[in-house]
Amino acid sequence: MTDPESSGSLAWAELQRRGSIRPQYLRNLQAEVSTELARCLDPFVHELEIRPYGAIVARESPHLDRIGRIVNTDGLTPDVVRSLADGRHSVVLVVKDQPPQLLLLHESMDTDQDYASRAVWVDGVIICNDRGGIVRIVTDSSVTIVEGRRWIAKDLVYEAAEDIVQVVPAADTEVVRRLLELSHHRISPRRIGATLLYALTDSPAPTKRRDEGISVATLNLSVLNQAEEPLLLHQARYRDGALLIARDGRLIAVNVILRATRASEQAVPATKGTRHTSAARHTYDCPDMLAFVVSTDGPVTVFSDGQRIADLKAGSFRKTAEKIAELTALRRTERKA
């Protein structure tokens, strides 16, 4: 890329200045990433509407059986091939030193997590723009969103889930990931304050430290069933109390009110808001619970045993798992003393 004023060079310079993509995802892909990013930052407009577009940029061919199938585009120019990719159901596959190919996806990419789940199989990045002009640069651990002059980096849930399970081995990894996804990618963007309690045992013991709320166990709704997600989000939006989730991901109750003990009030200091303080103290009172708390201003905080063990927000998340494990062990030792 020799012309410093070319659209590709300018896009690459902006990515280096304002993006937060780890170098390993961009290594030896400057020309390819620059071209695709420039195309998304200055999208094609048809009859006053932005044409959505997307590309997978990789050092070598990804695991296509996991993502989609190549469509035969013999005889078509690269520009025509690119015009066929909408960034949701189909993308241009740009493998280093190979001509662009059209990849028809097995399933559409509708959310940040959908894009990231495809990026897991890619040695590179996914770059796309939607019809609103929003550009996404996606890796398997982050999404960078470009809205006009604003660059917003969002961490994804995979690493946070691994950290949480390292601290709390009793948690089910898949359920933790889904709770983080719901909290971070569904509830948080809507500026909804919510608390999701996750039971670490198969049969949570009755306790006076929270009421029973409204039982919805007979509905057999699960956070693992994405088709039921709208029902869960509706409860999170229009209930005052917490949602209680079983260890296997089933929604047990809604509108659960938490009651702190004097011991937790003394051991766990008040934090930034009533919702966070209540959740932190409840996990101290009930060590068999994790609490996922969504703030109305966006960030998601996870509490265990009265400790903050993960933070997810635009830009960065989490303390190290080792430090949290040390703090949690110290808390439990203090309680037994």
Foldseek 3Di string as FASTA:
>chain_A
DPDCPDLLNVQLVCCVVANDDDVQQCPPPSNVVSVLSSCLLVDDADPNWGQKAKEAEAQDDFPLVQWFDWDDPPPDDLVVLRSVGRRFQWHWYHHPPDRITIGGTPHTQDFLQSLLVVLVRGSHWMWIAHRVSWIWTYHNFWIWIDDPPDTWIFGACQVVLVLVCVLVVLADSLLSNLVCCCQQTPQQVVLFWAKEKEFSDQDDDDDPQKDQAAFPVVVFDFSNDVVCSVVVNVLRRPADHHFYAYRRGTTTHGNMGGHADPVLPVVADDDDDPQVSRQLRVLLVPQRIKMWTAHSNGKIWIHGNSDTAKITGTPDMGDGSVVVSVVNVVSVVVVVD
